[in-house]
Amino acid sequence: MPKGTWHVETGILLARQWGYALETDGGGMWQLDVPGSARRYLGMRVTVEGRRSGFDMLDVHRIWPVDRPIENPWRRWPTLIRRFGLS
């Protein structure tokens, strides 16, 4: 696979000596370039979105637990507009 391709992968987030890794459901392993805030997801099943930057390296743009779907922030606008009487 060429570098720079976009990936969405699901698996278990692990801590390794080089940083974080994602063990995918298919048995593969990705090294992750992800902020330290991902620590809260260690040992959990997560989905990551990111761009491939090396042979087995993903630069992560988003990460979230599988059991909790990511919320679309645009869905809140109509509620906020009504609440503040801007409609």
PDB file of N, CA and C in Angstrom:
ATOM      1  N   MET A   1       0.833  -1.183   0.000  1.00  0.00           N
ATOM      2  CA  MET A   1       0.000   0.000   0.000  1.00  0.00           C
ATOM      3  C   MET A   1       0.879   1.249   0.000  1.00  0.00           C
ATOM      4  N   PRO A   2       0.526   2.223  -0.799  1.00  0.00           N
ATOM      5  CA  PRO A   2       1.330   3.441  -0.834  1.00  0.00           C
ATOM      6  C   PRO A   2       1.126   4.299   0.408  1.00  0.00           C
ATOM      7  N   LYS A   3       2.143   5.118   0.693  1.00  0.00           N
ATOM      8  CA  LYS A   3       2.032   6.059   1.805  1.00  0.00           C
ATOM      9  C   LYS A   3       0.984   7.107   1.477  1.00  0.00           C
ATOM     10  N   GLY A   4       0.410   7.681   2.518  1.00  0.00           N
ATOM     11  CA  GLY A   4      -0.556   8.750   2.338  1.00  0.00           C
ATOM     12  C   GLY A   4      -1.984   8.294   2.132  1.00  0.00           C
ATOM     13  N   THR A   5      -2.223   6.989   2.118  1.00  0.00           N
ATOM     14  CA  THR A   5      -3.592   6.510   1.950  1.00  0.00           C
ATOM     15  C   THR A   5      -4.351   6.631   3.266  1.00  0.00           C
ATOM     16  N   TRP A   6      -5.647   6.863   3.158  1.00  0.00           N
ATOM     17  CA  TRP A   6      -6.513   7.046   4.323  1.00  0.00           C
ATOM     18  C   TRP A   6      -7.009   5.687   4.796  1.00  0.00           C
ATOM     19  N   HIS A   7      -6.951   5.450   6.106  1.00  0.00           N
ATOM     20  CA  HIS A   7      -7.377   4.170   6.670  1.00  0.00           C
ATOM     21  C   HIS A   7      -8.351   4.388   7.817  1.00  0.00           C
ATOM     22  N   VAL A   8      -9.305   3.484   7.934  1.00  0.00           N
ATOM     23  CA  VAL A   8     -10.190   3.389   9.094  1.00  0.00           C
ATOM     24  C   VAL A   8     -10.039   1.959   9.584  1.00  0.00           C
ATOM     25  N   GLU A   9      -9.488   1.804  10.785  1.00  0.00           N
ATOM     26  CA  GLU A   9      -9.183   0.476  11.318  1.00  0.00           C
ATOM     27  C   GLU A   9      -9.811   0.315  12.698  1.00  0.00           C
ATOM     28  N   THR A  10     -10.202  -0.908  13.027  1.00  0.00           N
ATOM     29  CA  THR A  10     -10.792  -1.221  14.323  1.00  0.00           C
ATOM     30  C   THR A  10      -9.993  -2.336  14.969  1.00  0.00           C
ATOM     31  N   GLY A  11      -9.762  -2.190  16.282  1.00  0.00           N
ATOM     32  CA  GLY A  11      -9.024  -3.214  17.016  1.00  0.00           C
ATOM     33  C   GLY A  11      -8.821  -2.808  18.460  1.00  0.00           C
ATOM     34  N   ILE A  12      -7.858  -3.455  19.118  1.00  0.00           N
ATOM     35  CA  ILE A  12      -7.552  -3.199  20.524  1.00  0.00           C
ATOM     36  C   ILE A  12      -6.354  -2.260  20.607  1.00  0.00           C
ATOM     37  N   LEU A  13      -6.477  -1.177  21.388  1.00  0.00           N
ATOM     38  CA  LEU A  13      -5.384  -0.235  21.575  1.00  0.00           C
ATOM     39  C   LEU A  13      -4.440  -0.763  22.642  1.00  0.00           C
ATOM     40  N   LEU A  14      -3.162  -0.871  22.290  1.00  0.00           N
ATOM     41  CA  LEU A  14      -2.148  -1.418  23.189  1.00  0.00           C
ATOM     42  C   LEU A  14      -1.024  -0.420  23.392  1.00  0.00           C
ATOM     43  N   ALA A  15      -0.342  -0.522  24.531  1.00  0.00           N
ATOM     44  CA  ALA A  15       0.863   0.267  24.785  1.00  0.00           C
ATOM     45  C   ALA A  15       2.063  -0.615  24.470  1.00  0.00           C
ATOM     46  N   ARG A  16       2.983  -0.093  23.683  1.00  0.00           N
ATOM     47  CA  ARG A  16       4.212  -0.798  23.329  1.00  0.00           C
ATOM     48  C   ARG A  16       5.389   0.085  23.681  1.00  0.00           C
ATOM     49  N   GLN A  17       6.586  -0.467  23.620  1.00  0.00           N
ATOM     50  CA  GLN A  17       7.765   0.308  24.006  1.00  0.00           C
ATOM     51  C   GLN A  17       7.991   1.491  23.076  1.00  0.00           C
ATOM     52  N   TRP A  18       7.509   1.433  21.832  1.00  0.00           N
ATOM     53  CA  TRP A  18       7.680   2.540  20.897  1.00  0.00           C
ATOM     54  C   TRP A  18       6.510   3.516  20.937  1.00  0.00           C
ATOM     55  N   GLY A  19       5.485   3.212  21.707  1.00  0.00           N
ATOM     56  CA  GLY A  19       4.309   4.079  21.793  1.00  0.00           C
ATOM     57  C   GLY A  19       3.042   3.250  21.800  1.00  0.00           C
ATOM     58  N   TYR A  20       2.077   3.675  21.027  1.00  0.00           N
ATOM     59  CA  TYR A  20       0.800   2.969  20.962  1.00  0.00           C
ATOM     60  C   TYR A  20       0.728   2.105  19.709  1.00  0.00           C
ATOM     61  N   ALA A  21      -0.041   1.029  19.817  1.00  0.00           N
ATOM     62  CA  ALA A  21      -0.253   0.136  18.679  1.00  0.00           C
ATOM     63  C   ALA A  21      -1.714  -0.276  18.650  1.00  0.00           C
ATOM     64  N   LEU A  22      -2.170  -0.607  17.465  1.00  0.00           N
ATOM     65  CA  LEU A  22      -3.528  -1.104  17.282  1.00  0.00           C
ATOM     66  C   LEU A  22      -3.435  -2.518  16.735  1.00  0.00           C
ATOM     67  N   GLU A  23      -3.946  -3.474  17.509  1.00  0.00           N
ATOM     68  CA  GLU A  23      -4.027  -4.853  17.033  1.00  0.00           C
ATOM     69  C   GLU A  23      -5.391  -5.003  16.381  1.00  0.00           C
ATOM     70  N   THR A  24      -5.398  -5.139  15.064  1.00  0.00           N
ATOM     71  CA  THR A  24      -6.655  -5.144  14.322  1.00  0.00           C
ATOM     72  C   THR A  24      -7.387  -6.467  14.477  1.00  0.00           C
ATOM     73  N   ASP A  25      -8.656  -6.433  14.141  1.00  0.00           N
ATOM     74  CA  ASP A  25      -9.492  -7.625  14.247  1.00  0.00           C
ATOM     75  C   ASP A  25      -8.989  -8.748  13.347  1.00  0.00           C
ATOM     76  N   GLY A  26      -8.338  -8.397  12.239  1.00  0.00           N
ATOM     77  CA  GLY A  26      -7.825  -9.400  11.316  1.00  0.00           C
ATOM     78  C   GLY A  26      -6.471  -9.954  11.717  1.00  0.00           C
ATOM     79  N   GLY A  27      -5.911  -9.486  12.830  1.00  0.00           N
ATOM     80  CA  GLY A  27      -4.638  -9.991  13.315  1.00  0.00           C
ATOM     81  C   GLY A  27      -3.438  -9.130  12.972  1.00  0.00           C
ATOM     82  N   GLY A  28      -3.640  -8.050  12.228  1.00  0.00           N
ATOM     83  CA  GLY A  28      -2.537  -7.157  11.884  1.00  0.00           C
ATOM     84  C   GLY A  28      -2.202  -6.225  13.039  1.00  0.00           C
ATOM     85  N   MET A  29      -1.099  -5.487  12.869  1.00  0.00           N
ATOM     86  CA  MET A  29      -0.658  -4.553  13.909  1.00  0.00           C
ATOM     87  C   MET A  29      -0.214  -3.257  13.243  1.00  0.00           C
ATOM     88  N   TRP A  30      -0.763  -2.139  13.708  1.00  0.00           N
ATOM     89  CA  TRP A  30      -0.367  -0.807  13.254  1.00  0.00           C
ATOM     90  C   TRP A  30       0.306  -0.078  14.405  1.00  0.00           C
ATOM     91  N   GLN A  31       1.408   0.610  14.132  1.00  0.00           N
ATOM     92  CA  GLN A  31       1.966   1.557  15.089  1.00  0.00           C
ATOM     93  C   GLN A  31       1.195   2.858  14.888  1.00  0.00           C
ATOM     94  N   LEU A  32       0.907   3.542  15.980  1.00  0.00           N
ATOM     95  CA  LEU A  32       0.076   4.742  15.894  1.00  0.00           C
ATOM     96  C   LEU A  32       0.838   5.969  16.355  1.00  0.00           C
ATOM     97  N   ASP A  33       0.744   7.032  15.572  1.00  0.00           N
ATOM     98  CA  ASP A  33       1.218   8.342  15.993  1.00  0.00           C
ATOM     99  C   ASP A  33      -0.028   9.066  16.484  1.00  0.00           C
ATOM    100  N   VAL A  34      -0.227   9.033  17.793  1.00  0.00           N
ATOM    101  CA  VAL A  34      -1.461   9.526  18.397  1.00  0.00           C
ATOM    102  C   VAL A  34      -1.100  10.281  19.671  1.00  0.00           C
ATOM    103  N   PRO A  35      -1.852  11.330  20.036  1.00  0.00           N
ATOM    104  CA  PRO A  35      -1.545  12.074  21.264  1.00  0.00           C
ATOM    105  C   PRO A  35      -1.681  11.207  22.514  1.00  0.00           C
ATOM    106  N   GLY A  36      -1.031  11.634  23.581  1.00  0.00           N
ATOM    107  CA  GLY A  36      -1.075  10.915  24.851  1.00  0.00           C
ATOM    108  C   GLY A  36      -2.463  10.801  25.439  1.00  0.00           C
ATOM    109  N   SER A  37      -3.391  11.640  24.984  1.00  0.00           N
ATOM    110  CA  SER A  37      -4.758  11.571  25.509  1.00  0.00           C
ATOM    111  C   SER A  37      -5.441  10.261  25.131  1.00  0.00           C
ATOM    112  N   ALA A  38      -4.878   9.525  24.193  1.00  0.00           N
ATOM    113  CA  ALA A  38      -5.442   8.229  23.809  1.00  0.00           C
ATOM    114  C   ALA A  38      -5.251   7.193  24.908  1.00  0.00           C
ATOM    115  N   ARG A  39      -4.470   7.518  25.915  1.00  0.00           N
ATOM    116  CA  ARG A  39      -4.200   6.600  27.034  1.00  0.00           C
ATOM    117  C   ARG A  39      -5.486   6.099  27.678  1.00  0.00           C
ATOM    118  N   ARG A  40      -6.517   6.926  27.695  1.00  0.00           N
ATOM    119  CA  ARG A  40      -7.783   6.527  28.333  1.00  0.00           C
ATOM    120  C   ARG A  40      -8.451   5.360  27.619  1.00  0.00           C
ATOM    121  N   TYR A  41      -8.032   5.068  26.385  1.00  0.00           N
ATOM    122  CA  TYR A  41      -8.624   3.974  25.620  1.00  0.00           C
ATOM    123  C   TYR A  41      -7.790   2.694  25.648  1.00  0.00           C
ATOM    124  N   LEU A  42      -6.698   2.675  26.415  1.00  0.00           N
ATOM    125  CA  LEU A  42      -5.832   1.492  26.456  1.00  0.00           C
ATOM    126  C   LEU A  42      -6.609   0.243  26.841  1.00  0.00           C
ATOM    127  N   GLY A  43      -6.391  -0.813  26.100  1.00  0.00           N
ATOM    128  CA  GLY A  43      -7.061  -2.078  26.364  1.00  0.00           C
ATOM    129  C   GLY A  43      -8.478  -2.155  25.836  1.00  0.00           C
ATOM    130  N   MET A  44      -8.970  -1.063  25.278  1.00  0.00           N
ATOM    131  CA  MET A  44     -10.341  -1.025  24.763  1.00  0.00           C
ATOM    132  C   MET A  44     -10.348  -1.280  23.260  1.00  0.00           C
ATOM    133  N   ARG A  45     -11.487  -1.708  22.785  1.00  0.00           N
ATOM    134  CA  ARG A  45     -11.694  -1.857  21.347  1.00  0.00           C
ATOM    135  C   ARG A  45     -12.051  -0.479  20.803  1.00  0.00           C
ATOM    136  N   VAL A  46     -11.248   0.011  19.852  1.00  0.00           N
ATOM    137  CA  VAL A  46     -11.417   1.358  19.315  1.00  0.00           C
ATOM    138  C   VAL A  46     -11.401   1.325  17.790  1.00  0.00           C
ATOM    139  N   THR A  47     -11.872   2.420  17.220  1.00  0.00           N
ATOM    140  CA  THR A  47     -11.739   2.660  15.788  1.00  0.00           C
ATOM    141  C   THR A  47     -10.868   3.890  15.621  1.00  0.00           C
ATOM    142  N   VAL A  48      -9.914   3.823  14.705  1.00  0.00           N
ATOM    143  CA  VAL A  48      -9.042   4.960  14.416  1.00  0.00           C
ATOM    144  C   VAL A  48      -9.169   5.325  12.944  1.00  0.00           C
ATOM    145  N   GLU A  49      -9.062   6.616  12.681  1.00  0.00           N
ATOM    146  CA  GLU A  49      -9.003   7.132  11.315  1.00  0.00           C
ATOM    147  C   GLU A  49      -7.691   7.861  11.184  1.00  0.00           C
ATOM    148  N   GLY A  50      -6.981   7.602  10.106  1.00  0.00           N
ATOM    149  CA  GLY A  50      -5.723   8.297   9.927  1.00  0.00           C
ATOM    150  C   GLY A  50      -5.089   8.026   8.585  1.00  0.00           C
ATOM    151  N   ARG A  51      -3.961   8.687   8.378  1.00  0.00           N
ATOM    152  CA  ARG A  51      -3.225   8.596   7.129  1.00  0.00           C
ATOM    153  C   ARG A  51      -1.968   7.770   7.349  1.00  0.00           C
ATOM    154  N   ARG A  52      -1.721   6.879   6.413  1.00  0.00           N
ATOM    155  CA  ARG A  52      -0.542   6.026   6.490  1.00  0.00           C
ATOM    156  C   ARG A  52       0.706   6.869   6.247  1.00  0.00           C
ATOM    157  N   SER A  53       1.706   6.737   7.144  1.00  0.00           N
ATOM    158  CA  SER A  53       2.924   7.532   7.015  1.00  0.00           C
ATOM    159  C   SER A  53       4.175   6.668   6.960  1.00  0.00           C
ATOM    160  N   GLY A  54       4.033   5.372   7.012  1.00  0.00           N
ATOM    161  CA  GLY A  54       5.168   4.457   6.934  1.00  0.00           C
ATOM    162  C   GLY A  54       4.658   3.061   6.666  1.00  0.00           C
ATOM    163  N   PHE A  55       5.573   2.093   6.716  1.00  0.00           N
ATOM    164  CA  PHE A  55       5.197   0.714   6.417  1.00  0.00           C
ATOM    165  C   PHE A  55       4.033   0.241   7.279  1.00  0.00           C
ATOM    166  N   ASP A  56       4.137   0.474   8.587  1.00  0.00           N
ATOM    167  CA  ASP A  56       3.077   0.030   9.506  1.00  0.00           C
ATOM    168  C   ASP A  56       2.669   1.146  10.462  1.00  0.00           C
ATOM    169  N   MET A  57       2.788   2.404  10.017  1.00  0.00           N
ATOM    170  CA  MET A  57       2.525   3.567  10.872  1.00  0.00           C
ATOM    171  C   MET A  57       1.330   4.350  10.358  1.00  0.00           C
ATOM    172  N   LEU A  58       0.427   4.689  11.293  1.00  0.00           N
ATOM    173  CA  LEU A  58      -0.718   5.546  10.980  1.00  0.00           C
ATOM    174  C   LEU A  58      -0.622   6.828  11.791  1.00  0.00           C
ATOM    175  N   ASP A  59      -0.765   7.972  11.124  1.00  0.00           N
ATOM    176  CA  ASP A  59      -0.914   9.255  11.809  1.00  0.00           C
ATOM    177  C   ASP A  59      -2.402   9.410  12.093  1.00  0.00           C
ATOM    178  N   VAL A  60      -2.792   9.276  13.343  1.00  0.00           N
ATOM    179  CA  VAL A  60      -4.203   9.215  13.720  1.00  0.00           C
ATOM    180  C   VAL A  60      -4.811  10.613  13.754  1.00  0.00           C
ATOM    181  N   HIS A  61      -5.961  10.755  13.094  1.00  0.00           N
ATOM    182  CA  HIS A  61      -6.714  12.010  13.111  1.00  0.00           C
ATOM    183  C   HIS A  61      -7.870  11.946  14.093  1.00  0.00           C
ATOM    184  N   ARG A  62      -8.499  10.772  14.211  1.00  0.00           N
ATOM    185  CA  ARG A  62      -9.587  10.587  15.188  1.00  0.00           C
ATOM    186  C   ARG A  62      -9.497   9.190  15.769  1.00  0.00           C
ATOM    187  N   ILE A  63      -9.895   9.087  17.037  1.00  0.00           N
ATOM    188  CA  ILE A  63      -9.957   7.787  17.702  1.00  0.00           C
ATOM    189  C   ILE A  63     -11.170   7.800  18.618  1.00  0.00           C
ATOM    190  N   TRP A  64     -11.924   6.702  18.642  1.00  0.00           N
ATOM    191  CA  TRP A  64     -13.087   6.620  19.517  1.00  0.00           C
ATOM    192  C   TRP A  64     -13.363   5.165  19.860  1.00  0.00           C
ATOM    193  N   PRO A  65     -13.967   4.918  21.030  1.00  0.00           N
ATOM    194  CA  PRO A  65     -14.309   3.546  21.415  1.00  0.00           C
ATOM    195  C   PRO A  65     -15.424   3.000  20.530  1.00  0.00           C
ATOM    196  N   VAL A  66     -15.363   1.722  20.241  1.00  0.00           N
ATOM    197  CA  VAL A  66     -16.337   1.091  19.349  1.00  0.00           C
ATOM    198  C   VAL A  66     -17.729   1.084  19.962  1.00  0.00           C
ATOM    199  N   ASP A  67     -17.828   0.891  21.266  1.00  0.00           N
ATOM    200  CA  ASP A  67     -19.146   0.788  21.895  1.00  0.00           C
ATOM    201  C   ASP A  67     -19.862   2.124  22.008  1.00  0.00           C
ATOM    202  N   ARG A  68     -19.191   3.224  21.685  1.00  0.00           N
ATOM    203  CA  ARG A  68     -19.807   4.547  21.766  1.00  0.00           C
ATOM    204  C   ARG A  68     -19.594   5.265  20.434  1.00  0.00           C
ATOM    205  N   PRO A  69     -20.623   5.393  19.597  1.00  0.00           N
ATOM    206  CA  PRO A  69     -20.444   6.026  18.292  1.00  0.00           C
ATOM    207  C   PRO A  69     -20.052   7.493  18.438  1.00  0.00           C
ATOM    208  N   ILE A  70     -19.272   7.964  17.498  1.00  0.00           N
ATOM    209  CA  ILE A  70     -18.834   9.357  17.519  1.00  0.00           C
ATOM    210  C   ILE A  70     -20.030  10.253  17.186  1.00  0.00           C
ATOM    211  N   GLU A  71     -20.158  11.336  17.904  1.00  0.00           N
ATOM    212  CA  GLU A  71     -21.302  12.233  17.725  1.00  0.00           C
ATOM    213  C   GLU A  71     -21.007  13.235  16.625  1.00  0.00           C
ATOM    214  N   ASN A  72     -22.007  13.493  15.808  1.00  0.00           N
ATOM    215  CA  ASN A  72     -21.901  14.501  14.769  1.00  0.00           C
ATOM    216  C   ASN A  72     -22.244  15.855  15.389  1.00  0.00           C
ATOM    217  N   PRO A  73     -21.278  16.795  15.482  1.00  0.00           N
ATOM    218  CA  PRO A  73     -21.549  18.078  16.151  1.00  0.00           C
ATOM    219  C   PRO A  73     -22.595  18.927  15.448  1.00  0.00           C
ATOM    220  N   TRP A  74     -22.814  18.718  14.158  1.00  0.00           N
ATOM    221  CA  TRP A  74     -23.793  19.523  13.429  1.00  0.00           C
ATOM    222  C   TRP A  74     -25.216  19.192  13.836  1.00  0.00           C
ATOM    223  N   ARG A  75     -25.441  18.041  14.430  1.00  0.00           N
ATOM    224  CA  ARG A  75     -26.791  17.673  14.859  1.00  0.00           C
ATOM    225  C   ARG A  75     -27.278  18.553  16.005  1.00  0.00           C
ATOM    226  N   ARG A  76     -26.376  19.193  16.734  1.00  0.00           N
ATOM    227  CA  ARG A  76     -26.757  20.011  17.893  1.00  0.00           C
ATOM    228  C   ARG A  76     -27.204  21.414  17.518  1.00  0.00           C
ATOM    229  N   TRP A  77     -26.862  21.894  16.324  1.00  0.00           N
ATOM    230  CA  TRP A  77     -27.168  23.273  15.966  1.00  0.00           C
ATOM    231  C   TRP A  77     -28.651  23.617  16.037  1.00  0.00           C
ATOM    232  N   PRO A  78     -29.554  22.821  15.483  1.00  0.00           N
ATOM    233  CA  PRO A  78     -30.980  23.191  15.574  1.00  0.00           C
ATOM    234  C   PRO A  78     -31.458  23.343  17.018  1.00  0.00           C
ATOM    235  N   THR A  79     -30.990  22.479  17.911  1.00  0.00           N
ATOM    236  CA  THR A  79     -31.376  22.573  19.321  1.00  0.00           C
ATOM    237  C   THR A  79     -30.857  23.862  19.937  1.00  0.00           C
ATOM    238  N   LEU A  80     -29.607  24.210  19.653  1.00  0.00           N
ATOM    239  CA  LEU A  80     -29.032  25.439  20.207  1.00  0.00           C
ATOM    240  C   LEU A  80     -29.733  26.678  19.663  1.00  0.00           C
ATOM    241  N   ILE A  81     -30.064  26.663  18.395  1.00  0.00           N
ATOM    242  CA  ILE A  81     -30.752  27.809  17.791  1.00  0.00           C
ATOM    243  C   ILE A  81     -32.115  28.016  18.443  1.00  0.00           C
ATOM    244  N   ARG A  82     -32.873  26.940  18.652  1.00  0.00           N
ATOM    245  CA  ARG A  82     -34.182  27.052  19.314  1.00  0.00           C
ATOM    246  C   ARG A  82     -34.018  27.506  20.765  1.00  0.00           C
ATOM    247  N   ARG A  83     -33.032  26.953  21.467  1.00  0.00           N
ATOM    248  CA  ARG A  83     -32.842  27.270  22.878  1.00  0.00           C
ATOM    249  C   ARG A  83     -32.567  28.755  23.089  1.00  0.00           C
ATOM    250  N   PHE A  84     -31.794  29.353  22.199  1.00  0.00           N
ATOM    251  CA  PHE A  84     -31.437  30.755  22.363  1.00  0.00           C
ATOM    252  C   PHE A  84     -32.340  31.695  21.568  1.00  0.00           C
ATOM    253  N   GLY A  85     -33.411  31.149  21.002  1.00  0.00           N
ATOM    254  CA  GLY A  85     -34.398  31.983  20.315  1.00  0.00           C
ATOM    255  C   GLY A  85     -33.877  32.670  19.074  1.00  0.00           C
ATOM    256  N   LEU A  86     -32.985  32.032  18.355  1.00  0.00           N
ATOM    257  CA  LEU A  86     -32.400  32.650  17.169  1.00  0.00           C
ATOM    258  C   LEU A  86     -33.118  32.275  15.879  1.00  0.00           C
ATOM    259  N   SER A  87     -34.172  31.491  15.969  1.00  0.00           N
ATOM    260  CA  SER A  87     -34.855  31.073  14.732  1.00  0.00           C
ATOM    261  C   SER A  87     -35.945  32.036  14.338  1.00  0.00           C
TER     262      SER A  87
END
